[in-house]
PDB file of N, CA and C in Angstrom:
ATOM      1  N   UNK A   1     -12.957  -2.175 -11.459  1.00  0.00           N
ATOM      2  CA  UNK A   1     -12.427  -2.005 -10.121  1.00  0.00           C
ATOM      3  C   UNK A   1     -11.108  -1.246 -10.165  1.00  0.00           C
ATOM      4  N   UNK A   2     -10.277  -1.493 -11.181  1.00  0.00           N
ATOM      5  CA  UNK A   2      -8.991  -0.803 -11.287  1.00  0.00           C
ATOM      6  C   UNK A   2      -9.191   0.700 -11.475  1.00  0.00           C
ATOM      7  N   UNK A   3     -10.157   1.076 -12.311  1.00  0.00           N
ATOM      8  CA  UNK A   3     -10.441   2.500 -12.529  1.00  0.00           C
ATOM      9  C   UNK A   3     -10.852   3.165 -11.221  1.00  0.00           C
ATOM     10  N   UNK A   4     -11.603   2.449 -10.425  1.00  0.00           N
ATOM     11  CA  UNK A   4     -12.049   2.973  -9.140  1.00  0.00           C
ATOM     12  C   UNK A   4     -10.848   3.219  -8.222  1.00  0.00           C
ATOM     13  N   UNK A   5      -9.924   2.278  -8.188  1.00  0.00           N
ATOM     14  CA  UNK A   5      -8.716   2.417  -7.360  1.00  0.00           C
ATOM     15  C   UNK A   5      -7.880   3.607  -7.830  1.00  0.00           C
ATOM     16  N   UNK A   6      -7.758   3.776  -9.127  1.00  0.00           N
ATOM     17  CA  UNK A   6      -6.977   4.895  -9.685  1.00  0.00           C
ATOM     18  C   UNK A   6      -7.626   6.222  -9.294  1.00  0.00           C
ATOM     19  N   UNK A   7      -8.946   6.291  -9.350  1.00  0.00           N
ATOM     20  CA  UNK A   7      -9.669   7.502  -8.966  1.00  0.00           C
ATOM     21  C   UNK A   7      -9.422   7.845  -7.495  1.00  0.00           C
ATOM     22  N   UNK A   8      -9.437   6.838  -6.640  1.00  0.00           N
ATOM     23  CA  UNK A   8      -9.192   7.055  -5.209  1.00  0.00           C
ATOM     24  C   UNK A   8      -7.778   7.574  -4.992  1.00  0.00           C
ATOM     25  N   UNK A   9      -6.810   7.002  -5.675  1.00  0.00           N
ATOM     26  CA  UNK A   9      -5.436   7.484  -5.548  1.00  0.00           C
ATOM     27  C   UNK A   9      -5.309   8.928  -6.024  1.00  0.00           C
ATOM     28  N   UNK A  10      -6.028   9.284  -7.055  1.00  0.00           N
ATOM     29  CA  UNK A  10      -5.990  10.666  -7.557  1.00  0.00           C
ATOM     30  C   UNK A  10      -6.516  11.621  -6.486  1.00  0.00           C
ATOM     31  N   UNK A  11      -7.604  11.243  -5.826  1.00  0.00           N
ATOM     32  CA  UNK A  11      -8.154  12.074  -4.751  1.00  0.00           C
ATOM     33  C   UNK A  11      -7.120  12.234  -3.637  1.00  0.00           C
ATOM     34  N   UNK A  12      -6.451  11.158  -3.283  1.00  0.00           N
ATOM     35  CA  UNK A  12      -5.445  11.209  -2.221  1.00  0.00           C
ATOM     36  C   UNK A  12      -4.272  12.095  -2.645  1.00  0.00           C
ATOM     37  N   UNK A  13      -3.842  11.974  -3.876  1.00  0.00           N
ATOM     38  CA  UNK A  13      -2.728  12.806  -4.365  1.00  0.00           C
ATOM     39  C   UNK A  13      -3.094  14.278  -4.422  1.00  0.00           C
ATOM     40  N   UNK A  14      -4.384  14.590  -4.568  1.00  0.00           N
ATOM     41  CA  UNK A  14      -4.832  15.976  -4.644  1.00  0.00           C
ATOM     42  C   UNK A  14      -5.027  16.613  -3.265  1.00  0.00           C
ATOM     43  N   UNK A  15      -4.872  15.832  -2.203  1.00  0.00           N
ATOM     44  CA  UNK A  15      -4.954  16.397  -0.862  1.00  0.00           C
ATOM     45  C   UNK A  15      -3.826  17.397  -0.665  1.00  0.00           C
ATOM     46  N   UNK A  16      -4.046  18.331   0.226  1.00  0.00           N
ATOM     47  CA  UNK A  16      -2.989  19.277   0.578  1.00  0.00           C
ATOM     48  C   UNK A  16      -1.851  18.511   1.260  1.00  0.00           C
ATOM     49  N   UNK A  17      -0.619  19.004   1.142  1.00  0.00           N
ATOM     50  CA  UNK A  17       0.521  18.296   1.747  1.00  0.00           C
ATOM     51  C   UNK A  17       0.335  17.972   3.228  1.00  0.00           C
ATOM     52  N   UNK A  18      -0.214  18.916   3.999  1.00  0.00           N
ATOM     53  CA  UNK A  18      -0.438  18.645   5.418  1.00  0.00           C
ATOM     54  C   UNK A  18      -1.429  17.501   5.599  1.00  0.00           C
ATOM     55  N   UNK A  19      -2.484  17.489   4.798  1.00  0.00           N
ATOM     56  CA  UNK A  19      -3.466  16.407   4.877  1.00  0.00           C
ATOM     57  C   UNK A  19      -2.825  15.065   4.526  1.00  0.00           C
ATOM     58  N   UNK A  20      -1.979  15.049   3.511  1.00  0.00           N
ATOM     59  CA  UNK A  20      -1.311  13.792   3.128  1.00  0.00           C
ATOM     60  C   UNK A  20      -0.385  13.314   4.226  1.00  0.00           C
ATOM     61  N   UNK A  21       0.315  14.239   4.871  1.00  0.00           N
ATOM     62  CA  UNK A  21       1.210  13.846   5.968  1.00  0.00           C
ATOM     63  C   UNK A  21       0.418  13.261   7.134  1.00  0.00           C
ATOM     64  N   UNK A  22      -0.678  13.926   7.489  1.00  0.00           N
ATOM     65  CA  UNK A  22      -1.508  13.427   8.587  1.00  0.00           C
ATOM     66  C   UNK A  22      -2.059  12.053   8.232  1.00  0.00           C
ATOM     67  N   UNK A  23      -2.560  11.907   7.017  1.00  0.00           N
ATOM     68  CA  UNK A  23      -3.104  10.623   6.579  1.00  0.00           C
ATOM     69  C   UNK A  23      -2.037   9.531   6.635  1.00  0.00           C
ATOM     70  N   UNK A  24      -0.872   9.805   6.092  1.00  0.00           N
ATOM     71  CA  UNK A  24       0.203   8.804   6.091  1.00  0.00           C
ATOM     72  C   UNK A  24       0.618   8.443   7.512  1.00  0.00           C
ATOM     73  N   UNK A  25       0.717   9.445   8.374  1.00  0.00           N
ATOM     74  CA  UNK A  25       1.069   9.205   9.772  1.00  0.00           C
ATOM     75  C   UNK A  25       0.050   8.279  10.435  1.00  0.00           C
ATOM     76  N   UNK A  26      -1.241   8.592  10.263  1.00  0.00           N
ATOM     77  CA  UNK A  26      -2.284   7.784  10.893  1.00  0.00           C
ATOM     78  C   UNK A  26      -2.374   6.390  10.286  1.00  0.00           C
ATOM     79  N   UNK A  27      -2.191   6.281   8.978  1.00  0.00           N
ATOM     80  CA  UNK A  27      -2.201   4.965   8.327  1.00  0.00           C
ATOM     81  C   UNK A  27      -1.046   4.126   8.846  1.00  0.00           C
ATOM     82  N   UNK A  28       0.122   4.743   8.967  1.00  0.00           N
ATOM     83  CA  UNK A  28       1.311   4.031   9.430  1.00  0.00           C
ATOM     84  C   UNK A  28       1.162   3.554  10.876  1.00  0.00           C
ATOM     85  N   UNK A  29       0.376   4.264  11.663  1.00  0.00           N
ATOM     86  CA  UNK A  29       0.242   3.936  13.087  1.00  0.00           C
ATOM     87  C   UNK A  29      -1.111   3.322  13.452  1.00  0.00           C
ATOM     88  N   UNK A  30      -1.855   2.888  12.452  1.00  0.00           N
ATOM     89  CA  UNK A  30      -3.140   2.224  12.691  1.00  0.00           C
ATOM     90  C   UNK A  30      -2.922   1.016  13.586  1.00  0.00           C
ATOM     91  N   UNK A  31      -3.741   0.770  14.587  1.00  0.00           N
ATOM     92  CA  UNK A  31      -5.040   1.337  14.911  1.00  0.00           C
ATOM     93  C   UNK A  31      -4.997   2.411  15.995  1.00  0.00           C
ATOM     94  N   UNK A  32      -3.833   2.961  16.307  1.00  0.00           N
ATOM     95  CA  UNK A  32      -3.737   3.972  17.356  1.00  0.00           C
ATOM     96  C   UNK A  32      -4.454   5.253  16.952  1.00  0.00           C
ATOM     97  N   UNK A  33      -4.947   5.966  17.957  1.00  0.00           N
ATOM     98  CA  UNK A  33      -5.570   7.264  17.701  1.00  0.00           C
ATOM     99  C   UNK A  33      -4.734   8.346  18.372  1.00  0.00           C
ATOM    100  N   UNK A  34      -4.776   9.536  17.787  1.00  0.00           N
ATOM    101  CA  UNK A  34      -3.930  10.634  18.239  1.00  0.00           C
ATOM    102  C   UNK A  34      -4.717  11.936  18.303  1.00  0.00           C
ATOM    103  N   UNK A  35      -4.414  12.728  19.327  1.00  0.00           N
ATOM    104  CA  UNK A  35      -4.980  14.075  19.431  1.00  0.00           C
ATOM    105  C   UNK A  35      -4.190  15.000  18.504  1.00  0.00           C
ATOM    106  N   UNK A  36      -4.743  16.176  18.234  1.00  0.00           N
ATOM    107  CA  UNK A  36      -4.056  17.118  17.341  1.00  0.00           C
ATOM    108  C   UNK A  36      -2.687  17.514  17.879  1.00  0.00           C
ATOM    109  N   UNK A  37      -2.570  17.690  19.188  1.00  0.00           N
ATOM    110  CA  UNK A  37      -1.272  18.080  19.731  1.00  0.00           C
ATOM    111  C   UNK A  37      -0.224  16.980  19.544  1.00  0.00           C
ATOM    112  N   UNK A  38      -0.632  15.725  19.655  1.00  0.00           N
ATOM    113  CA  UNK A  38       0.318  14.624  19.439  1.00  0.00           C
ATOM    114  C   UNK A  38       0.673  14.490  17.964  1.00  0.00           C
ATOM    115  N   UNK A  39      -0.315  14.678  17.078  1.00  0.00           N
ATOM    116  CA  UNK A  39      -0.024  14.638  15.640  1.00  0.00           C
ATOM    117  C   UNK A  39       0.946  15.759  15.298  1.00  0.00           C
ATOM    118  N   UNK A  40       0.686  16.946  15.827  1.00  0.00           N
ATOM    119  CA  UNK A  40       1.562  18.093  15.572  1.00  0.00           C
ATOM    120  C   UNK A  40       2.992  17.798  16.032  1.00  0.00           C
ATOM    121  N   UNK A  41       3.124  17.215  17.200  1.00  0.00           N
ATOM    122  CA  UNK A  41       4.457  16.898  17.726  1.00  0.00           C
ATOM    123  C   UNK A  41       5.172  15.877  16.843  1.00  0.00           C
ATOM    124  N   UNK A  42       4.476  14.845  16.452  1.00  0.00           N
ATOM    125  CA  UNK A  42       5.085  13.809  15.619  1.00  0.00           C
ATOM    126  C   UNK A  42       5.478  14.336  14.239  1.00  0.00           C
ATOM    127  N   UNK A  43       4.663  15.237  13.685  1.00  0.00           N
ATOM    128  CA  UNK A  43       4.917  15.725  12.333  1.00  0.00           C
ATOM    129  C   UNK A  43       5.718  17.023  12.308  1.00  0.00           C
ATOM    130  N   UNK A  44       6.093  17.511  13.482  1.00  0.00           N
ATOM    131  CA  UNK A  44       6.907  18.724  13.598  1.00  0.00           C
ATOM    132  C   UNK A  44       6.186  19.957  13.057  1.00  0.00           C
ATOM    133  N   UNK A  45       4.911  20.061  13.391  1.00  0.00           N
ATOM    134  CA  UNK A  45       4.110  21.247  13.102  1.00  0.00           C
ATOM    135  C   UNK A  45       3.698  21.869  14.430  1.00  0.00           C
ATOM    136  N   UNK A  46       3.337  23.137  14.405  1.00  0.00           N
ATOM    137  CA  UNK A  46       2.809  23.740  15.620  1.00  0.00           C
ATOM    138  C   UNK A  46       1.375  23.255  15.828  1.00  0.00           C
ATOM    139  N   UNK A  47       0.971  23.216  17.079  1.00  0.00           N
ATOM    140  CA  UNK A  47      -0.414  22.851  17.380  1.00  0.00           C
ATOM    141  C   UNK A  47      -1.365  23.818  16.695  1.00  0.00           C
ATOM    142  N   UNK A  48      -0.986  25.079  16.680  1.00  0.00           N
ATOM    143  CA  UNK A  48      -1.805  26.112  16.069  1.00  0.00           C
ATOM    144  C   UNK A  48      -2.068  25.815  14.587  1.00  0.00           C
ATOM    145  N   UNK A  49      -1.060  25.328  13.879  1.00  0.00           N
ATOM    146  CA  UNK A  49      -1.227  24.996  12.460  1.00  0.00           C
ATOM    147  C   UNK A  49      -2.288  23.920  12.282  1.00  0.00           C
ATOM    148  N   UNK A  50      -2.221  22.887  13.111  1.00  0.00           N
ATOM    149  CA  UNK A  50      -3.213  21.811  13.003  1.00  0.00           C
ATOM    150  C   UNK A  50      -4.587  22.230  13.518  1.00  0.00           C
ATOM    151  N   UNK A  51      -4.616  23.099  14.501  1.00  0.00           N
ATOM    152  CA  UNK A  51      -5.905  23.587  14.975  1.00  0.00           C
ATOM    153  C   UNK A  51      -6.598  24.421  13.900  1.00  0.00           C
ATOM    154  N   UNK A  52      -5.815  25.176  13.130  1.00  0.00           N
ATOM    155  CA  UNK A  52      -6.375  25.976  12.041  1.00  0.00           C
ATOM    156  C   UNK A  52      -6.683  25.129  10.806  1.00  0.00           C
ATOM    157  N   UNK A  53      -6.023  23.979  10.692  1.00  0.00           N
ATOM    158  CA  UNK A  53      -6.188  23.082   9.540  1.00  0.00           C
ATOM    159  C   UNK A  53      -6.427  21.650  10.007  1.00  0.00           C
ATOM    160  N   UNK A  54      -7.493  21.412  10.758  1.00  0.00           N
ATOM    161  CA  UNK A  54      -7.718  20.039  11.238  1.00  0.00           C
ATOM    162  C   UNK A  54      -8.041  19.112  10.060  1.00  0.00           C
ATOM    163  N   UNK A  55      -7.824  17.829  10.243  1.00  0.00           N
ATOM    164  CA  UNK A  55      -8.029  16.879   9.133  1.00  0.00           C
ATOM    165  C   UNK A  55      -9.496  16.545   8.870  1.00  0.00           C
ATOM    166  N   UNK A  56     -10.344  17.563   8.832  1.00  0.00           N
ATOM    167  CA  UNK A  56     -11.773  17.324   8.622  1.00  0.00           C
ATOM    168  C   UNK A  56     -12.065  16.780   7.226  1.00  0.00           C
ATOM    169  N   UNK A  57     -11.271  17.172   6.246  1.00  0.00           N
ATOM    170  CA  UNK A  57     -11.480  16.633   4.894  1.00  0.00           C
ATOM    171  C   UNK A  57     -11.240  15.125   4.866  1.00  0.00           C
ATOM    172  N   UNK A  58     -10.243  14.669   5.616  1.00  0.00           N
ATOM    173  CA  UNK A  58      -9.961  13.230   5.693  1.00  0.00           C
ATOM    174  C   UNK A  58     -11.133  12.496   6.350  1.00  0.00           C
ATOM    175  N   UNK A  59     -11.757  13.156   7.324  1.00  0.00           N
ATOM    176  CA  UNK A  59     -12.930  12.576   7.986  1.00  0.00           C
ATOM    177  C   UNK A  59     -14.088  12.510   6.986  1.00  0.00           C
ATOM    178  N   UNK A  60     -14.298  13.590   6.227  1.00  0.00           N
ATOM    179  CA  UNK A  60     -15.384  13.617   5.248  1.00  0.00           C
ATOM    180  C   UNK A  60     -15.195  12.570   4.153  1.00  0.00           C
ATOM    181  N   UNK A  61     -13.942  12.281   3.811  1.00  0.00           N
ATOM    182  CA  UNK A  61     -13.646  11.258   2.805  1.00  0.00           C
ATOM    183  C   UNK A  61     -13.738   9.849   3.385  1.00  0.00           C
ATOM    184  N   UNK A  62     -13.968   9.733   4.691  1.00  0.00           N
ATOM    185  CA  UNK A  62     -14.046   8.449   5.398  1.00  0.00           C
ATOM    186  C   UNK A  62     -12.707   7.724   5.486  1.00  0.00           C
ATOM    187  N   UNK A  63     -11.620   8.442   5.305  1.00  0.00           N
ATOM    188  CA  UNK A  63     -10.293   7.838   5.443  1.00  0.00           C
ATOM    189  C   UNK A  63      -9.831   7.839   6.899  1.00  0.00           C
ATOM    190  N   UNK A  64     -10.407   8.746   7.689  1.00  0.00           N
ATOM    191  CA  UNK A  64     -10.011   8.936   9.083  1.00  0.00           C
ATOM    192  C   UNK A  64     -11.284   9.076   9.916  1.00  0.00           C
ATOM    193  N   UNK A  65     -11.242   8.533  11.133  1.00  0.00           N
ATOM    194  CA  UNK A  65     -12.354   8.727  12.058  1.00  0.00           C
ATOM    195  C   UNK A  65     -11.948   9.753  13.103  1.00  0.00           C
ATOM    196  N   UNK A  66     -12.944  10.424  13.650  1.00  0.00           N
ATOM    197  CA  UNK A  66     -12.709  11.441  14.675  1.00  0.00           C
ATOM    198  C   UNK A  66     -13.609  11.132  15.857  1.00  0.00           C
ATOM    199  N   UNK A  67     -13.021  11.158  17.039  1.00  0.00           N
ATOM    200  CA  UNK A  67     -13.781  10.899  18.264  1.00  0.00           C
ATOM    201  C   UNK A  67     -13.537  12.032  19.251  1.00  0.00           C
ATOM    202  N   UNK A  68     -14.597  12.496  19.865  1.00  0.00           N
ATOM    203  CA  UNK A  68     -14.499  13.563  20.858  1.00  0.00           C
ATOM    204  C   UNK A  68     -14.099  12.953  22.188  1.00  0.00           C
ATOM    205  N   UNK A  69     -13.018  13.455  22.770  1.00  0.00           N
ATOM    206  CA  UNK A  69     -12.538  13.000  24.082  1.00  0.00           C
ATOM    207  C   UNK A  69     -12.465  14.205  25.014  1.00  0.00           C
ATOM    208  N   UNK A  70     -12.162  13.971  26.273  1.00  0.00           N
ATOM    209  CA  UNK A  70     -12.086  15.053  27.251  1.00  0.00           C
ATOM    210  C   UNK A  70     -11.039  16.100  26.859  1.00  0.00           C
ATOM    211  N   UNK A  71      -9.961  15.664  26.220  1.00  0.00           N
ATOM    212  CA  UNK A  71      -8.890  16.595  25.842  1.00  0.00           C
ATOM    213  C   UNK A  71      -8.981  17.047  24.386  1.00  0.00           C
ATOM    214  N   UNK A  72     -10.138  16.876  23.755  1.00  0.00           N
ATOM    215  CA  UNK A  72     -10.323  17.330  22.376  1.00  0.00           C
ATOM    216  C   UNK A  72     -10.534  16.153  21.441  1.00  0.00           C
ATOM    217  N   UNK A  73     -10.506  16.447  20.156  1.00  0.00           N
ATOM    218  CA  UNK A  73     -10.721  15.402  19.153  1.00  0.00           C
ATOM    219  C   UNK A  73      -9.494  14.514  19.009  1.00  0.00           C
ATOM    220  N   UNK A  74      -9.762  13.238  18.774  1.00  0.00           N
ATOM    221  CA  UNK A  74      -8.714  12.263  18.488  1.00  0.00           C
ATOM    222  C   UNK A  74      -9.011  11.672  17.118  1.00  0.00           C
ATOM    223  N   UNK A  75      -7.946  11.424  16.361  1.00  0.00           N
ATOM    224  CA  UNK A  75      -8.070  10.951  14.984  1.00  0.00           C
ATOM    225  C   UNK A  75      -7.390   9.599  14.831  1.00  0.00           C
ATOM    226  N   UNK A  76      -7.969   8.770  13.957  1.00  0.00           N
ATOM    227  CA  UNK A  76      -7.431   7.435  13.708  1.00  0.00           C
ATOM    228  C   UNK A  76      -7.698   7.092  12.249  1.00  0.00           C
ATOM    229  N   UNK A  77      -6.755   6.433  11.638  1.00  0.00           N
ATOM    230  CA  UNK A  77      -6.964   5.959  10.269  1.00  0.00           C
ATOM    231  C   UNK A  77      -8.114   4.972  10.257  1.00  0.00           C
ATOM    232  N   UNK A  78      -8.908   5.049   9.207  1.00  0.00           N
ATOM    233  CA  UNK A  78      -9.955   4.045   9.001  1.00  0.00           C
ATOM    234  C   UNK A  78      -9.797   3.462   7.602  1.00  0.00           C
ATOM    235  N   UNK A  79      -8.555   3.282   7.187  1.00  0.00           N
ATOM    236  CA  UNK A  79      -8.299   2.747   5.850  1.00  0.00           C
ATOM    237  C   UNK A  79      -8.952   1.384   5.639  1.00  0.00           C
ATOM    238  N   UNK A  80      -8.867   0.446   6.600  1.00  0.00           N
ATOM    239  CA  UNK A  80      -9.543  -0.840   6.380  1.00  0.00           C
ATOM    240  C   UNK A  80     -11.059  -0.678   6.170  1.00  0.00           C
ATOM    241  N   UNK A  81     -11.688   0.171   6.974  1.00  0.00           N
ATOM    242  CA  UNK A  81     -13.118   0.409   6.810  1.00  0.00           C
ATOM    243  C   UNK A  81     -13.426   1.122   5.502  1.00  0.00           C
ATOM    244  N   UNK A  82     -12.571   2.058   5.135  1.00  0.00           N
ATOM    245  CA  UNK A  82     -12.739   2.781   3.872  1.00  0.00           C
ATOM    246  C   UNK A  82     -12.696   1.816   2.692  1.00  0.00           C
ATOM    247  N   UNK A  83     -11.718   0.923   2.687  1.00  0.00           N
ATOM    248  CA  UNK A  83     -11.587  -0.050   1.597  1.00  0.00           C
ATOM    249  C   UNK A  83     -12.823  -0.941   1.547  1.00  0.00           C
ATOM    250  N   UNK A  84     -13.255  -1.401   2.696  1.00  0.00           N
ATOM    251  CA  UNK A  84     -14.429  -2.281   2.742  1.00  0.00           C
ATOM    252  C   UNK A  84     -15.675  -1.550   2.225  1.00  0.00           C
ATOM    253  N   UNK A  85     -15.920  -0.339   2.716  1.00  0.00           N
ATOM    254  CA  UNK A  85     -17.102   0.417   2.281  1.00  0.00           C
ATOM    255  C   UNK A  85     -17.040   0.751   0.791  1.00  0.00           C
ATOM    256  N   UNK A  86     -15.859   1.101   0.311  1.00  0.00           N
ATOM    257  CA  UNK A  86     -15.704   1.527  -1.076  1.00  0.00           C
ATOM    258  C   UNK A  86     -15.841   0.381  -2.059  1.00  0.00           C
ATOM    259  N   UNK A  87     -15.285  -0.770  -1.706  1.00  0.00           N
ATOM    260  CA  UNK A  87     -15.258  -1.892  -2.643  1.00  0.00           C
ATOM    261  C   UNK A  87     -16.303  -2.968  -2.351  1.00  0.00           C
ATOM    262  N   UNK A  88     -17.149  -2.735  -1.363  1.00  0.00           N
ATOM    263  CA  UNK A  88     -18.199  -3.695  -1.015  1.00  0.00           C
ATOM    264  C   UNK A  88     -19.114  -3.972  -2.209  1.00  0.00           C
ATOM    265  N   UNK A  89     -19.307  -2.971  -3.043  1.00  0.00           N
ATOM    266  CA  UNK A  89     -20.213  -3.139  -4.193  1.00  0.00           C
ATOM    267  C   UNK A  89     -19.692  -4.144  -5.217  1.00  0.00           C
ATOM    268  N   UNK A  90     -18.404  -4.501  -5.109  1.00  0.00           N
ATOM    269  CA  UNK A  90     -17.834  -5.469  -6.044  1.00  0.00           C
ATOM    270  C   UNK A  90     -17.975  -6.915  -5.548  1.00  0.00           C
ATOM    271  N   UNK A  91     -18.595  -7.089  -4.379  1.00  0.00           N
ATOM    272  CA  UNK A  91     -18.863  -8.440  -3.892  1.00  0.00           C
ATOM    273  C   UNK A  91     -19.902  -9.090  -4.781  1.00  0.00           C
ATOM    274  N   UNK A  92     -19.919 -10.317  -5.004  1.00  0.00           N
ATOM    275  CA  UNK A  92     -19.069 -11.380  -4.467  1.00  0.00           C
ATOM    276  C   UNK A  92     -17.817 -11.626  -5.321  1.00  0.00           C
ATOM    277  N   UNK A  93     -17.551 -10.718  -6.267  1.00  0.00           N
ATOM    278  CA  UNK A  93     -16.390 -10.918  -7.137  1.00  0.00           C
ATOM    279  C   UNK A  93     -15.057 -10.785  -6.415  1.00  0.00           C
ATOM    280  N   UNK A  94     -15.048 -10.107  -5.261  1.00  0.00           N
ATOM    281  CA  UNK A  94     -13.823 -10.046  -4.470  1.00  0.00           C
ATOM    282  C   UNK A  94     -14.106 -10.646  -3.097  1.00  0.00           C
ATOM    283  N   UNK A  95     -13.110 -11.313  -2.554  1.00  0.00           N
ATOM    284  CA  UNK A  95     -13.288 -11.978  -1.265  1.00  0.00           C
ATOM    285  C   UNK A  95     -12.483 -11.265  -0.179  1.00  0.00           C
ATOM    286  N   UNK A  96     -12.481 -11.841   1.017  1.00  0.00           N
ATOM    287  CA  UNK A  96     -11.803 -11.227   2.163  1.00  0.00           C
ATOM    288  C   UNK A  96     -10.312 -11.004   1.901  1.00  0.00           C
ATOM    289  N   UNK A  97      -9.665 -11.955   1.284  1.00  0.00           N
ATOM    290  CA  UNK A  97      -8.247 -11.808   0.993  1.00  0.00           C
ATOM    291  C   UNK A  97      -8.004 -10.620   0.056  1.00  0.00           C
ATOM    292  N   UNK A  98      -8.872 -10.449  -0.922  1.00  0.00           N
ATOM    293  CA  UNK A  98      -8.709  -9.330  -1.847  1.00  0.00           C
ATOM    294  C   UNK A  98      -8.951  -7.985  -1.155  1.00  0.00           C
ATOM    295  N   UNK A  99      -9.834  -7.959  -0.160  1.00  0.00           N
ATOM    296  CA  UNK A  99      -9.999  -6.743   0.638  1.00  0.00           C
ATOM    297  C   UNK A  99      -8.693  -6.406   1.349  1.00  0.00           C
ATOM    298  N   UNK A 100      -8.040  -7.424   1.908  1.00  0.00           N
ATOM    299  CA  UNK A 100      -6.761  -7.215   2.595  1.00  0.00           C
ATOM    300  C   UNK A 100      -5.692  -6.733   1.614  1.00  0.00           C
ATOM    301  N   UNK A 101      -5.673  -7.318   0.427  1.00  0.00           N
ATOM    302  CA  UNK A 101      -4.695  -6.913  -0.600  1.00  0.00           C
ATOM    303  C   UNK A 101      -4.934  -5.460  -1.000  1.00  0.00           C
ATOM    304  N   UNK A 102      -6.195  -5.087  -1.195  1.00  0.00           N
ATOM    305  CA  UNK A 102      -6.517  -3.696  -1.536  1.00  0.00           C
ATOM    306  C   UNK A 102      -6.087  -2.750  -0.415  1.00  0.00           C
ATOM    307  N   UNK A 103      -6.353  -3.131   0.814  1.00  0.00           N
ATOM    308  CA  UNK A 103      -5.946  -2.306   1.953  1.00  0.00           C
ATOM    309  C   UNK A 103      -4.443  -2.116   1.993  1.00  0.00           C
ATOM    310  N   UNK A 104      -3.695  -3.200   1.779  1.00  0.00           N
ATOM    311  CA  UNK A 104      -2.232  -3.116   1.774  1.00  0.00           C
ATOM    312  C   UNK A 104      -1.745  -2.251   0.621  1.00  0.00           C
ATOM    313  N   UNK A 105      -2.402  -2.357  -0.522  1.00  0.00           N
ATOM    314  CA  UNK A 105      -2.032  -1.557  -1.695  1.00  0.00           C
ATOM    315  C   UNK A 105      -2.205  -0.068  -1.408  1.00  0.00           C
ATOM    316  N   UNK A 106      -3.364   0.320  -0.870  1.00  0.00           N
ATOM    317  CA  UNK A 106      -3.600   1.727  -0.569  1.00  0.00           C
ATOM    318  C   UNK A 106      -2.672   2.219   0.533  1.00  0.00           C
ATOM    319  N   UNK A 107      -2.425   1.384   1.526  1.00  0.00           N
ATOM    320  CA  UNK A 107      -1.495   1.769   2.595  1.00  0.00           C
ATOM    321  C   UNK A 107      -0.120   2.065   2.002  1.00  0.00           C
ATOM    322  N   UNK A 108       0.356   1.186   1.155  1.00  0.00           N
ATOM    323  CA  UNK A 108       1.667   1.373   0.518  1.00  0.00           C
ATOM    324  C   UNK A 108       1.700   2.659  -0.303  1.00  0.00           C
ATOM    325  N   UNK A 109       0.660   2.913  -1.076  1.00  0.00           N
ATOM    326  CA  UNK A 109       0.614   4.110  -1.930  1.00  0.00           C
ATOM    327  C   UNK A 109       0.543   5.389  -1.104  1.00  0.00           C
ATOM    328  N   UNK A 110      -0.207   5.393  -0.028  1.00  0.00           N
ATOM    329  CA  UNK A 110      -0.317   6.575   0.824  1.00  0.00           C
ATOM    330  C   UNK A 110       1.032   6.891   1.460  1.00  0.00           C
ATOM    331  N   UNK A 111       1.692   5.888   1.989  1.00  0.00           N
ATOM    332  CA  UNK A 111       3.004   6.102   2.604  1.00  0.00           C
ATOM    333  C   UNK A 111       4.019   6.528   1.540  1.00  0.00           C
ATOM    334  N   UNK A 112       3.930   5.963   0.359  1.00  0.00           N
ATOM    335  CA  UNK A 112       4.822   6.327  -0.749  1.00  0.00           C
ATOM    336  C   UNK A 112       4.646   7.802  -1.138  1.00  0.00           C
ATOM    337  N   UNK A 113       3.421   8.266  -1.214  1.00  0.00           N
ATOM    338  CA  UNK A 113       3.145   9.671  -1.515  1.00  0.00           C
ATOM    339  C   UNK A 113       3.774  10.557  -0.455  1.00  0.00           C
ATOM    340  N   UNK A 114       3.608  10.184   0.804  1.00  0.00           N
ATOM    341  CA  UNK A 114       4.162  10.964   1.906  1.00  0.00           C
ATOM    342  C   UNK A 114       5.688  11.006   1.833  1.00  0.00           C
ATOM    343  N   UNK A 115       6.303   9.862   1.572  1.00  0.00           N
ATOM    344  CA  UNK A 115       7.767   9.811   1.491  1.00  0.00           C
ATOM    345  C   UNK A 115       8.292  10.696   0.363  1.00  0.00           C
ATOM    346  N   UNK A 116       7.558  10.773  -0.743  1.00  0.00           N
ATOM    347  CA  UNK A 116       7.964  11.660  -1.839  1.00  0.00           C
ATOM    348  C   UNK A 116       7.901  13.112  -1.405  1.00  0.00           C
ATOM    349  N   UNK A 117       6.860  13.468  -0.670  1.00  0.00           N
ATOM    350  CA  UNK A 117       6.735  14.849  -0.201  1.00  0.00           C
ATOM    351  C   UNK A 117       7.873  15.188   0.751  1.00  0.00           C
ATOM    352  N   UNK A 118       8.087  14.339   1.725  1.00  0.00           N
ATOM    353  CA  UNK A 118       9.103  14.584   2.741  1.00  0.00           C
ATOM    354  C   UNK A 118      10.489  14.601   2.103  1.00  0.00           C
ATOM    355  N   UNK A 119      10.744  13.672   1.217  1.00  0.00           N
ATOM    356  CA  UNK A 119      12.052  13.585   0.574  1.00  0.00           C
ATOM    357  C   UNK A 119      12.330  14.755  -0.347  1.00  0.00           C
ATOM    358  N   UNK A 120      11.293  15.303  -0.952  1.00  0.00           N
ATOM    359  CA  UNK A 120      11.462  16.378  -1.922  1.00  0.00           C
ATOM    360  C   UNK A 120      11.682  17.731  -1.272  1.00  0.00           C
ATOM    361  N   UNK A 121      10.874  18.046  -0.250  1.00  0.00           N
ATOM    362  CA  UNK A 121      10.955  19.414   0.246  1.00  0.00           C
ATOM    363  C   UNK A 121      10.666  19.559   1.734  1.00  0.00           C
ATOM    364  N   UNK A 122      10.710  18.495   2.497  1.00  0.00           N
ATOM    365  CA  UNK A 122      10.477  18.613   3.924  1.00  0.00           C
ATOM    366  C   UNK A 122       9.014  18.849   4.247  1.00  0.00           C
ATOM    367  N   UNK A 123       8.756  19.337   5.466  1.00  0.00           N
ATOM    368  CA  UNK A 123       7.372  19.416   5.948  1.00  0.00           C
ATOM    369  C   UNK A 123       6.517  20.447   5.225  1.00  0.00           C
ATOM    370  N   UNK A 124       7.103  21.422   4.587  1.00  0.00           N
ATOM    371  CA  UNK A 124       6.307  22.474   3.951  1.00  0.00           C
ATOM    372  C   UNK A 124       6.028  22.222   2.497  1.00  0.00           C
ATOM    373  N   UNK A 125       6.277  21.014   2.002  1.00  0.00           N
ATOM    374  CA  UNK A 125       6.063  20.708   0.582  1.00  0.00           C
ATOM    375  C   UNK A 125       4.596  20.779   0.241  1.00  0.00           C
TER     376      UNK A 125
END
């Protein structure tokens, strides 16, 4: 199970900086959902940048959900669901509390990665 967690963190670390920022933002604000224009405003990017680089990779990785609304797509972290789907195969060896611990661990690591990026070189890191 530890090797699996390390592999997941490696995938997250290999995301592009913009993807990591979006992921960290959505994880930090779970369960709220945000449109691209609101994400852009919060992260100090132009809407055009996010429209050209939407977080579709995060959706494909099942870390983020996307819902079509009248004003466009809205995105929300699905870290709890991701942890459950990813580690479900380790049942019954892990219980509900361990799912929560894993979720908190990944949340902490994602935010930590983002803070390193922001602290090192600002939004364009």
